[in-house]
């Protein structure tokens, strides 16, 4: 498969380089913020160390009492709020996973037994959806169905050539999408 038709310089390399430059600037800002945060943490720890050095027994007792209060609050929060919610969500995820797995298996078996019918049904469904969403004319709808039928017949007759052409089209669409995403990120 040849890639000469792709404009890699303008659609991939330059936007990626620009995005990388912008990310480097953001990373430098992040490092500066982390450094400032660590300085503040160090100041706090130093102040606590001085407090403990001045009166170790009173400070240790105060810290112990505070940690007991925080520990009790955390225990109550975990046992009364987090754990029941986690159990409910776990049960829901388990049921949803089982249902999804069953649907996927049923769909797979149906597709395996009826590939042409699935393709025709998919094309009709997409066409109907496009008509509903975009108010597409009857002529365009008929054309979409015809093109879809041609694609299915090409896939059945010449799978490798059709696959290669589809890969080129998908790669072009992905490259254009990447260019648009990076451009929008750089603009914002």
N, C-alpha and C. Protein backbone atom coordinates (compact mmCIF):
# COMPACT_ATOMS: atom_id res chain seq x y z
N UNK A 1 0.85 -1.17 0.00
CA UNK A 1 0.00 0.00 0.00
C UNK A 1 0.90 1.24 0.00
N UNK A 2 0.69 2.13 -0.94
CA UNK A 2 1.51 3.33 -1.07
C UNK A 2 0.86 4.49 -0.32
N UNK A 3 1.71 5.36 0.26
CA UNK A 3 1.21 6.48 1.05
C UNK A 3 1.54 7.82 0.40
N UNK A 4 1.84 7.83 -0.88
CA UNK A 4 2.22 9.06 -1.55
C UNK A 4 1.08 10.08 -1.59
N UNK A 5 -0.14 9.61 -1.60
CA UNK A 5 -1.29 10.51 -1.72
C UNK A 5 -1.58 11.27 -0.43
N UNK A 6 -0.96 10.87 0.67
CA UNK A 6 -1.19 11.53 1.95
C UNK A 6 -0.26 12.73 2.09
N UNK A 7 -0.78 13.80 2.64
CA UNK A 7 0.02 15.00 2.91
C UNK A 7 0.53 14.92 4.34
N UNK A 8 1.50 14.03 4.57
CA UNK A 8 1.98 13.77 5.93
C UNK A 8 2.67 14.98 6.55
N UNK A 9 3.37 15.76 5.74
CA UNK A 9 4.10 16.91 6.27
C UNK A 9 3.16 17.91 6.93
N UNK A 10 2.10 18.30 6.21
CA UNK A 10 1.19 19.33 6.71
C UNK A 10 0.13 18.79 7.65
N UNK A 11 -0.22 17.52 7.52
CA UNK A 11 -1.31 16.99 8.32
C UNK A 11 -0.85 16.18 9.52
N UNK A 12 0.42 15.78 9.56
CA UNK A 12 0.89 14.98 10.68
C UNK A 12 2.11 15.59 11.36
N UNK A 13 3.17 15.84 10.60
CA UNK A 13 4.43 16.25 11.21
C UNK A 13 4.37 17.65 11.81
N UNK A 14 3.94 18.63 11.04
CA UNK A 14 3.91 20.02 11.54
C UNK A 14 2.93 20.19 12.71
N UNK A 15 1.67 19.68 12.61
CA UNK A 15 0.78 19.81 13.77
C UNK A 15 1.31 19.09 15.01
N UNK A 16 1.93 17.92 14.83
CA UNK A 16 2.47 17.19 15.98
C UNK A 16 3.62 17.96 16.61
N UNK A 17 4.48 18.55 15.79
CA UNK A 17 5.59 19.32 16.31
C UNK A 17 5.08 20.55 17.07
N UNK A 18 4.08 21.22 16.53
CA UNK A 18 3.51 22.39 17.20
C UNK A 18 2.86 21.99 18.52
N UNK A 19 2.12 20.89 18.50
CA UNK A 19 1.48 20.40 19.72
C UNK A 19 2.53 20.01 20.75
N UNK A 20 3.61 19.38 20.33
CA UNK A 20 4.68 18.99 21.24
C UNK A 20 5.31 20.22 21.88
N UNK A 21 5.53 21.27 21.11
CA UNK A 21 6.09 22.51 21.65
C UNK A 21 5.16 23.09 22.71
N UNK A 22 3.87 23.10 22.41
CA UNK A 22 2.90 23.63 23.38
C UNK A 22 2.87 22.77 24.64
N UNK A 23 2.95 21.45 24.48
CA UNK A 23 2.96 20.56 25.64
C UNK A 23 4.22 20.77 26.49
N UNK A 24 5.34 21.04 25.85
CA UNK A 24 6.56 21.31 26.61
C UNK A 24 6.40 22.55 27.47
N UNK A 25 5.78 23.59 26.93
CA UNK A 25 5.55 24.81 27.70
C UNK A 25 4.64 24.50 28.89
N UNK A 26 3.57 23.73 28.63
CA UNK A 26 2.65 23.35 29.72
C UNK A 26 3.36 22.51 30.77
N UNK A 27 4.26 21.63 30.34
CA UNK A 27 5.01 20.79 31.27
C UNK A 27 5.93 21.63 32.14
N UNK A 28 6.56 22.64 31.55
CA UNK A 28 7.42 23.54 32.34
C UNK A 28 6.58 24.27 33.39
N UNK A 29 5.39 24.73 33.00
CA UNK A 29 4.50 25.38 33.97
C UNK A 29 4.10 24.42 35.08
N UNK A 30 3.83 23.17 34.71
CA UNK A 30 3.45 22.18 35.71
C UNK A 30 4.59 21.92 36.68
N UNK A 31 5.80 21.80 36.17
CA UNK A 31 6.96 21.59 37.03
C UNK A 31 7.13 22.76 37.99
N UNK A 32 6.92 23.96 37.52
CA UNK A 32 7.01 25.14 38.38
C UNK A 32 5.97 25.09 39.49
N UNK A 33 4.74 24.72 39.15
CA UNK A 33 3.68 24.61 40.15
C UNK A 33 3.98 23.51 41.17
N UNK A 34 4.48 22.37 40.70
CA UNK A 34 4.82 21.28 41.61
C UNK A 34 5.96 21.71 42.54
N UNK A 35 6.93 22.41 42.00
CA UNK A 35 8.04 22.89 42.82
C UNK A 35 7.53 23.82 43.92
N UNK A 36 6.62 24.74 43.56
CA UNK A 36 6.06 25.66 44.55
C UNK A 36 5.26 24.90 45.61
N UNK A 37 4.50 23.89 45.19
CA UNK A 37 3.73 23.08 46.13
C UNK A 37 4.67 22.36 47.10
N UNK A 38 5.76 21.80 46.58
CA UNK A 38 6.71 21.09 47.45
C UNK A 38 7.38 22.05 48.43
N UNK A 39 7.63 23.26 47.99
CA UNK A 39 8.21 24.26 48.91
C UNK A 39 7.22 24.55 50.04
N UNK A 40 5.95 24.69 49.70
CA UNK A 40 4.92 24.94 50.72
C UNK A 40 4.79 23.76 51.67
N UNK A 41 4.84 22.53 51.13
CA UNK A 41 4.78 21.33 51.99
C UNK A 41 5.99 21.30 52.92
N UNK A 42 7.14 21.62 52.39
CA UNK A 42 8.35 21.63 53.22
C UNK A 42 8.21 22.65 54.35
N UNK A 43 7.69 23.84 54.04
CA UNK A 43 7.50 24.87 55.07
C UNK A 43 6.55 24.38 56.15
N UNK A 44 5.48 23.71 55.74
CA UNK A 44 4.51 23.19 56.71
C UNK A 44 5.14 22.12 57.59
N UNK A 45 5.88 21.20 56.96
CA UNK A 45 6.54 20.14 57.73
C UNK A 45 7.58 20.74 58.68
N UNK A 46 8.30 21.74 58.21
CA UNK A 46 9.29 22.40 59.07
C UNK A 46 8.60 23.07 60.27
N UNK A 47 7.49 23.74 60.05
CA UNK A 47 6.77 24.39 61.15
C UNK A 47 6.26 23.34 62.15
N UNK A 48 5.74 22.22 61.61
CA UNK A 48 5.28 21.16 62.51
C UNK A 48 6.45 20.55 63.29
N UNK A 49 7.60 20.42 62.64
CA UNK A 49 8.79 19.90 63.33
C UNK A 49 9.24 20.81 64.45
N UNK A 50 9.20 22.11 64.20
CA UNK A 50 9.58 23.07 65.25
C UNK A 50 8.59 22.99 66.41
N UNK A 51 7.28 22.88 66.06
CA UNK A 51 6.26 22.78 67.11
C UNK A 51 6.49 21.53 67.95
N UNK A 52 6.79 20.41 67.28
CA UNK A 52 7.00 19.18 68.02
C UNK A 52 8.28 19.25 68.86
N UNK A 53 9.32 19.89 68.33
CA UNK A 53 10.58 20.02 69.06
C UNK A 53 10.40 20.86 70.32
N UNK A 54 9.57 21.92 70.23
CA UNK A 54 9.35 22.79 71.38
C UNK A 54 8.59 22.07 72.50
N UNK A 55 7.56 21.29 72.16
CA UNK A 55 6.80 20.56 73.19
C UNK A 55 6.36 19.20 72.61
N UNK A 56 7.23 18.20 72.71
CA UNK A 56 6.96 16.93 72.06
C UNK A 56 5.75 16.18 72.62
N UNK A 57 5.56 16.16 73.91
CA UNK A 57 4.46 15.39 74.49
C UNK A 57 3.12 16.02 74.15
N UNK A 58 2.99 17.31 74.34
CA UNK A 58 1.73 18.00 74.04
C UNK A 58 1.41 17.91 72.54
N UNK A 59 2.41 18.11 71.69
CA UNK A 59 2.19 18.05 70.24
C UNK A 59 1.82 16.63 69.80
N UNK A 60 2.52 15.63 70.33
CA UNK A 60 2.21 14.24 69.97
C UNK A 60 0.80 13.88 70.42
N UNK A 61 0.40 14.30 71.59
CA UNK A 61 -0.95 14.03 72.08
C UNK A 61 -1.99 14.70 71.18
N UNK A 62 -1.73 15.95 70.81
CA UNK A 62 -2.65 16.68 69.94
C UNK A 62 -2.76 15.99 68.57
N UNK A 63 -1.62 15.59 68.01
CA UNK A 63 -1.64 14.89 66.71
C UNK A 63 -2.36 13.55 66.81
N UNK A 64 -2.15 12.83 67.92
CA UNK A 64 -2.80 11.53 68.10
C UNK A 64 -4.31 11.71 68.18
N UNK A 65 -4.76 12.69 68.97
CA UNK A 65 -6.20 12.95 69.09
C UNK A 65 -6.80 13.32 67.72
N UNK A 66 -6.09 14.14 66.99
CA UNK A 66 -6.56 14.55 65.67
C UNK A 66 -6.62 13.35 64.71
N UNK A 67 -5.61 12.48 64.76
CA UNK A 67 -5.60 11.31 63.87
C UNK A 67 -6.71 10.33 64.25
N UNK A 68 -7.04 10.21 65.53
CA UNK A 68 -8.15 9.34 65.95
C UNK A 68 -9.47 9.87 65.39
N UNK A 69 -9.67 11.17 65.49
CA UNK A 69 -10.89 11.77 64.95
C UNK A 69 -10.99 11.56 63.45
N UNK A 70 -9.90 11.82 62.71
CA UNK A 70 -9.90 11.61 61.26
C UNK A 70 -10.10 10.14 60.91
N UNK A 71 -9.48 9.24 61.67
CA UNK A 71 -9.64 7.81 61.43
C UNK A 71 -11.08 7.35 61.64
N UNK A 72 -11.71 7.86 62.69
CA UNK A 72 -13.12 7.51 62.95
C UNK A 72 -14.03 8.03 61.84
N UNK A 73 -13.79 9.27 61.42
CA UNK A 73 -14.59 9.84 60.33
C UNK A 73 -14.42 9.04 59.05
N UNK A 74 -13.18 8.65 58.75
CA UNK A 74 -12.91 7.86 57.56
C UNK A 74 -13.57 6.49 57.65
N UNK A 75 -13.51 5.86 58.81
CA UNK A 75 -14.13 4.55 59.01
C UNK A 75 -15.64 4.63 58.81
N UNK A 76 -16.27 5.64 59.39
CA UNK A 76 -17.72 5.81 59.23
C UNK A 76 -18.07 6.07 57.77
N UNK A 77 -17.30 6.91 57.11
CA UNK A 77 -17.57 7.22 55.71
C UNK A 77 -17.44 5.96 54.83
N UNK A 78 -16.40 5.17 55.08
CA UNK A 78 -16.19 3.96 54.29
C UNK A 78 -17.28 2.95 54.54
N UNK A 79 -17.60 2.69 55.81
CA UNK A 79 -18.58 1.64 56.11
C UNK A 79 -20.01 2.06 55.81
N UNK A 80 -20.34 3.34 55.97
CA UNK A 80 -21.73 3.78 55.77
C UNK A 80 -22.02 4.25 54.35
N UNK A 81 -21.03 4.81 53.65
CA UNK A 81 -21.29 5.38 52.34
C UNK A 81 -20.59 4.62 51.21
N UNK A 82 -19.28 4.50 51.31
CA UNK A 82 -18.52 3.95 50.20
C UNK A 82 -18.82 2.47 49.97
N UNK A 83 -18.76 1.67 51.02
CA UNK A 83 -18.92 0.23 50.85
C UNK A 83 -20.29 -0.16 50.30
N UNK A 84 -21.40 0.37 50.83
CA UNK A 84 -22.70 0.01 50.24
C UNK A 84 -22.83 0.45 48.77
N UNK A 85 -22.32 1.64 48.43
CA UNK A 85 -22.38 2.09 47.05
C UNK A 85 -21.53 1.21 46.15
N UNK A 86 -20.38 0.79 46.65
CA UNK A 86 -19.51 -0.08 45.85
C UNK A 86 -20.18 -1.43 45.61
N UNK A 87 -20.87 -1.96 46.62
CA UNK A 87 -21.57 -3.24 46.44
C UNK A 87 -22.67 -3.12 45.39
N UNK A 88 -23.43 -2.04 45.46
CA UNK A 88 -24.52 -1.83 44.49
C UNK A 88 -23.95 -1.69 43.08
N UNK A 89 -22.90 -0.88 42.94
CA UNK A 89 -22.30 -0.69 41.62
C UNK A 89 -21.68 -1.98 41.10
N UNK A 90 -21.09 -2.77 41.99
CA UNK A 90 -20.50 -4.04 41.58
C UNK A 90 -21.58 -4.97 41.04
N UNK A 91 -22.71 -5.06 41.75
CA UNK A 91 -23.81 -5.91 41.28
C UNK A 91 -24.34 -5.42 39.93
N UNK A 92 -24.49 -4.10 39.78
CA UNK A 92 -24.97 -3.55 38.51
C UNK A 92 -23.99 -3.83 37.37
N UNK A 93 -22.72 -3.69 37.63
CA UNK A 93 -21.70 -3.97 36.61
C UNK A 93 -21.72 -5.44 36.23
N UNK A 94 -21.88 -6.31 37.22
CA UNK A 94 -21.92 -7.75 36.95
C UNK A 94 -23.10 -8.11 36.06
N UNK A 95 -24.28 -7.57 36.37
CA UNK A 95 -25.47 -7.85 35.57
C UNK A 95 -25.32 -7.28 34.17
N UNK A 96 -24.84 -6.04 34.07
CA UNK A 96 -24.68 -5.40 32.75
C UNK A 96 -23.65 -6.15 31.91
N UNK A 97 -22.57 -6.62 32.53
CA UNK A 97 -21.55 -7.37 31.80
C UNK A 97 -22.12 -8.68 31.28
N UNK A 98 -22.89 -9.35 32.11
CA UNK A 98 -23.50 -10.61 31.68
C UNK A 98 -24.47 -10.39 30.51
N UNK A 99 -25.30 -9.35 30.62
CA UNK A 99 -26.25 -9.05 29.54
C UNK A 99 -25.52 -8.67 28.26
N UNK A 100 -24.49 -7.84 28.39
CA UNK A 100 -23.72 -7.43 27.20
C UNK A 100 -23.04 -8.62 26.55
N UNK A 101 -22.47 -9.50 27.36
CA UNK A 101 -21.83 -10.69 26.82
C UNK A 101 -22.81 -11.57 26.06
N UNK A 102 -23.99 -11.74 26.62
CA UNK A 102 -25.01 -12.55 25.94
C UNK A 102 -25.42 -11.91 24.62
N UNK A 103 -25.62 -10.59 24.62
CA UNK A 103 -26.00 -9.90 23.39
C UNK A 103 -24.90 -10.02 22.33
N UNK A 104 -23.65 -9.88 22.76
CA UNK A 104 -22.54 -9.97 21.81
C UNK A 104 -22.45 -11.36 21.21
N UNK A 105 -22.60 -12.39 22.05
CA UNK A 105 -22.57 -13.76 21.53
C UNK A 105 -23.70 -14.02 20.56
N UNK A 106 -24.90 -13.56 20.90
CA UNK A 106 -26.04 -13.75 20.01
C UNK A 106 -25.82 -13.03 18.68
N UNK A 107 -25.30 -11.81 18.75
CA UNK A 107 -25.03 -11.04 17.53
C UNK A 107 -23.96 -11.73 16.69
N UNK A 108 -22.93 -12.23 17.33
CA UNK A 108 -21.86 -12.92 16.61
C UNK A 108 -22.41 -14.16 15.88
N UNK A 109 -23.20 -14.96 16.59
CA UNK A 109 -23.75 -16.17 15.96
C UNK A 109 -24.67 -15.82 14.80
N UNK A 110 -25.48 -14.77 14.97
CA UNK A 110 -26.37 -14.36 13.89
C UNK A 110 -25.56 -13.88 12.69
N UNK A 111 -24.53 -13.07 12.95
CA UNK A 111 -23.69 -12.56 11.87
C UNK A 111 -22.96 -13.70 11.16
N UNK A 112 -22.49 -14.67 11.93
CA UNK A 112 -21.77 -15.81 11.36
C UNK A 112 -22.67 -16.62 10.43
N UNK A 113 -23.94 -16.74 10.78
CA UNK A 113 -24.86 -17.53 9.98
C UNK A 113 -25.44 -16.74 8.80
N UNK A 114 -25.57 -15.40 8.92
CA UNK A 114 -26.22 -14.57 7.90
C UNK A 114 -25.40 -13.32 7.58
N UNK A 115 -24.21 -13.42 7.02
CA UNK A 115 -23.40 -12.21 6.80
C UNK A 115 -24.00 -11.25 5.78
N UNK A 116 -24.57 -11.77 4.70
CA UNK A 116 -25.15 -10.88 3.69
C UNK A 116 -26.36 -10.14 4.24
N UNK A 117 -27.21 -10.84 4.97
CA UNK A 117 -28.42 -10.21 5.52
C UNK A 117 -28.05 -9.13 6.54
N UNK A 118 -27.02 -9.40 7.35
CA UNK A 118 -26.57 -8.41 8.34
C UNK A 118 -26.06 -7.17 7.62
N UNK A 119 -25.30 -7.36 6.54
CA UNK A 119 -24.78 -6.21 5.80
C UNK A 119 -25.91 -5.39 5.20
N UNK A 120 -26.88 -6.06 4.61
CA UNK A 120 -28.01 -5.36 4.00
C UNK A 120 -28.81 -4.63 5.07
N UNK A 121 -29.07 -5.30 6.20
CA UNK A 121 -29.82 -4.66 7.29
C UNK A 121 -29.07 -3.45 7.84
N UNK A 122 -27.74 -3.57 7.96
CA UNK A 122 -26.94 -2.45 8.47
C UNK A 122 -27.00 -1.26 7.54
N UNK A 123 -26.90 -1.52 6.26
CA UNK A 123 -26.95 -0.42 5.28
C UNK A 123 -28.31 0.24 5.31
N UNK A 124 -29.37 -0.55 5.39
CA UNK A 124 -30.72 0.03 5.45
C UNK A 124 -30.91 0.84 6.72
N UNK A 125 -30.40 0.32 7.86
CA UNK A 125 -30.53 1.04 9.12
C UNK A 125 -29.78 2.37 9.07
N UNK A 126 -28.54 2.34 8.55
CA UNK A 126 -27.77 3.59 8.44
C UNK A 126 -28.45 4.58 7.51
N UNK A 127 -28.99 4.09 6.43
CA UNK A 127 -29.67 4.96 5.48
C UNK A 127 -30.90 5.60 6.13
N UNK A 128 -31.68 4.78 6.82
CA UNK A 128 -32.87 5.32 7.51
C UNK A 128 -32.48 6.34 8.57
N UNK A 129 -31.40 6.05 9.30
CA UNK A 129 -30.95 6.99 10.33
C UNK A 129 -30.50 8.31 9.72
N UNK A 130 -29.77 8.23 8.61
CA UNK A 130 -29.32 9.45 7.94
C UNK A 130 -30.52 10.24 7.42
N UNK A 131 -31.52 9.55 6.92
CA UNK A 131 -32.72 10.23 6.42
C UNK A 131 -33.41 10.96 7.56
N UNK A 132 -33.55 10.29 8.71
CA UNK A 132 -34.22 10.91 9.86
C UNK A 132 -33.44 12.11 10.39
N UNK A 133 -32.12 11.94 10.52
CA UNK A 133 -31.31 12.99 11.13
C UNK A 133 -31.07 14.14 10.17
N UNK A 134 -30.75 13.83 8.93
CA UNK A 134 -30.31 14.88 8.03
C UNK A 134 -31.29 15.30 6.97
N UNK A 135 -32.53 14.80 7.01
CA UNK A 135 -33.51 15.13 5.98
C UNK A 135 -32.93 14.92 4.59
N UNK A 136 -32.35 13.74 4.37
CA UNK A 136 -31.73 13.42 3.09
C UNK A 136 -32.82 13.07 2.08
N UNK A 137 -32.61 13.47 0.86
CA UNK A 137 -33.62 13.24 -0.18
C UNK A 137 -33.71 11.75 -0.53
N UNK A 138 -34.80 11.39 -1.18
CA UNK A 138 -35.02 10.01 -1.58
C UNK A 138 -33.98 9.56 -2.59
N UNK A 139 -33.53 10.47 -3.44
CA UNK A 139 -32.52 10.13 -4.44
C UNK A 139 -31.19 9.76 -3.77
N UNK A 140 -30.81 10.57 -2.79
CA UNK A 140 -29.57 10.30 -2.08
C UNK A 140 -29.69 9.01 -1.27
N UNK A 141 -30.85 8.77 -0.72
CA UNK A 141 -31.08 7.53 0.03
C UNK A 141 -30.92 6.32 -0.88
N UNK A 142 -31.51 6.38 -2.05
CA UNK A 142 -31.38 5.28 -3.01
C UNK A 142 -29.93 5.10 -3.42
N UNK A 143 -29.24 6.22 -3.62
CA UNK A 143 -27.83 6.14 -4.00
C UNK A 143 -26.99 5.50 -2.90
N UNK A 144 -27.28 5.87 -1.63
CA UNK A 144 -26.55 5.27 -0.51
C UNK A 144 -26.79 3.77 -0.43
N UNK A 145 -28.03 3.36 -0.65
CA UNK A 145 -28.33 1.93 -0.62
C UNK A 145 -27.63 1.21 -1.77
N UNK A 146 -27.61 1.81 -2.93
CA UNK A 146 -26.93 1.21 -4.08
C UNK A 146 -25.43 1.08 -3.80
N UNK A 147 -24.83 2.17 -3.30
CA UNK A 147 -23.39 2.15 -2.99
C UNK A 147 -23.10 1.10 -1.92
N UNK A 148 -23.97 1.01 -0.92
CA UNK A 148 -23.78 0.00 0.13
C UNK A 148 -23.84 -1.40 -0.43
N UNK A 149 -24.78 -1.65 -1.32
CA UNK A 149 -24.88 -2.96 -1.95
C UNK A 149 -23.65 -3.25 -2.80
N UNK A 150 -23.14 -2.22 -3.49
CA UNK A 150 -21.92 -2.40 -4.29
C UNK A 150 -20.73 -2.75 -3.40
N UNK A 151 -20.64 -2.09 -2.25
CA UNK A 151 -19.54 -2.37 -1.32
C UNK A 151 -19.62 -3.80 -0.82
N UNK A 152 -20.82 -4.24 -0.48
CA UNK A 152 -20.98 -5.62 0.00
C UNK A 152 -20.59 -6.61 -1.08
N UNK A 153 -21.03 -6.36 -2.32
CA UNK A 153 -20.68 -7.29 -3.40
C UNK A 153 -19.17 -7.26 -3.67
N UNK A 154 -18.55 -6.07 -3.59
CA UNK A 154 -17.09 -5.99 -3.77
C UNK A 154 -16.36 -6.75 -2.68
N UNK A 155 -16.86 -6.63 -1.44
CA UNK A 155 -16.23 -7.36 -0.35
C UNK A 155 -16.32 -8.86 -0.57
N UNK A 156 -17.43 -9.31 -1.12
CA UNK A 156 -17.58 -10.75 -1.36
C UNK A 156 -16.77 -11.21 -2.57
N UNK A 157 -16.65 -10.37 -3.60
CA UNK A 157 -15.96 -10.76 -4.83
C UNK A 157 -14.45 -10.51 -4.75
N UNK A 158 -14.05 -9.32 -4.28
CA UNK A 158 -12.64 -8.94 -4.23
C UNK A 158 -12.29 -8.43 -2.84
N UNK A 159 -12.18 -9.33 -1.87
CA UNK A 159 -11.99 -8.86 -0.49
C UNK A 159 -10.68 -8.11 -0.26
N UNK A 160 -9.57 -8.55 -0.88
CA UNK A 160 -8.28 -7.90 -0.62
C UNK A 160 -8.20 -6.50 -1.22
N UNK A 161 -8.66 -6.35 -2.45
CA UNK A 161 -8.61 -5.03 -3.08
C UNK A 161 -9.55 -4.06 -2.37
N UNK A 162 -10.73 -4.56 -2.01
CA UNK A 162 -11.69 -3.71 -1.31
C UNK A 162 -11.15 -3.32 0.06
N UNK A 163 -10.51 -4.27 0.73
CA UNK A 163 -9.94 -3.99 2.04
C UNK A 163 -8.82 -2.95 1.94
N UNK A 164 -7.96 -3.08 0.92
CA UNK A 164 -6.87 -2.12 0.74
C UNK A 164 -7.42 -0.72 0.46
N UNK A 165 -8.42 -0.64 -0.39
CA UNK A 165 -9.02 0.66 -0.69
C UNK A 165 -9.67 1.25 0.57
N UNK A 166 -10.36 0.40 1.32
CA UNK A 166 -10.99 0.87 2.56
C UNK A 166 -9.93 1.35 3.55
N UNK A 167 -8.81 0.65 3.63
CA UNK A 167 -7.73 1.07 4.53
C UNK A 167 -7.18 2.43 4.13
N UNK A 168 -7.02 2.65 2.85
CA UNK A 168 -6.52 3.95 2.37
C UNK A 168 -7.51 5.06 2.74
N UNK A 169 -8.79 4.79 2.51
CA UNK A 169 -9.80 5.80 2.83
C UNK A 169 -9.87 6.06 4.33
N UNK A 170 -9.80 5.00 5.12
CA UNK A 170 -9.84 5.16 6.57
C UNK A 170 -8.61 5.91 7.06
N UNK A 171 -7.45 5.57 6.51
CA UNK A 171 -6.21 6.25 6.90
C UNK A 171 -6.28 7.73 6.56
N UNK A 172 -6.80 8.04 5.39
CA UNK A 172 -6.96 9.45 5.00
C UNK A 172 -7.91 10.16 5.95
N UNK A 173 -9.03 9.51 6.28
CA UNK A 173 -10.00 10.12 7.19
C UNK A 173 -9.40 10.30 8.58
N UNK A 174 -8.64 9.31 9.06
CA UNK A 174 -8.00 9.43 10.37
C UNK A 174 -6.97 10.55 10.38
N UNK A 175 -6.21 10.65 9.32
CA UNK A 175 -5.20 11.70 9.22
C UNK A 175 -5.86 13.08 9.21
N UNK A 176 -6.93 13.23 8.45
CA UNK A 176 -7.66 14.50 8.43
C UNK A 176 -8.26 14.79 9.81
N UNK A 177 -8.80 13.76 10.45
CA UNK A 177 -9.36 13.94 11.80
C UNK A 177 -8.30 14.35 12.80
N UNK A 178 -7.12 13.71 12.71
CA UNK A 178 -6.00 14.06 13.59
C UNK A 178 -5.60 15.52 13.39
N UNK A 179 -5.52 15.93 12.13
CA UNK A 179 -5.15 17.30 11.82
C UNK A 179 -6.17 18.27 12.42
N UNK A 180 -7.46 17.96 12.28
CA UNK A 180 -8.50 18.84 12.83
C UNK A 180 -8.42 18.90 14.36
N UNK A 181 -8.22 17.75 15.00
CA UNK A 181 -8.16 17.72 16.47
C UNK A 181 -6.97 18.54 16.97
N UNK A 182 -5.80 18.31 16.37
CA UNK A 182 -4.61 19.04 16.79
C UNK A 182 -4.77 20.53 16.52
N UNK A 183 -5.34 20.87 15.39
CA UNK A 183 -5.57 22.29 15.07
C UNK A 183 -6.50 22.92 16.10
N UNK A 184 -7.57 22.23 16.48
CA UNK A 184 -8.50 22.77 17.47
C UNK A 184 -7.84 22.90 18.85
N UNK A 185 -6.98 21.94 19.19
CA UNK A 185 -6.27 22.02 20.48
C UNK A 185 -5.34 23.22 20.48
N UNK A 186 -4.64 23.41 19.38
CA UNK A 186 -3.70 24.53 19.30
C UNK A 186 -4.41 25.87 19.30
N UNK A 187 -5.59 25.93 18.68
CA UNK A 187 -6.34 27.17 18.67
C UNK A 187 -6.85 27.52 20.06
N UNK A 188 -7.32 26.49 20.78
CA UNK A 188 -7.84 26.75 22.13
C UNK A 188 -6.69 26.76 23.11
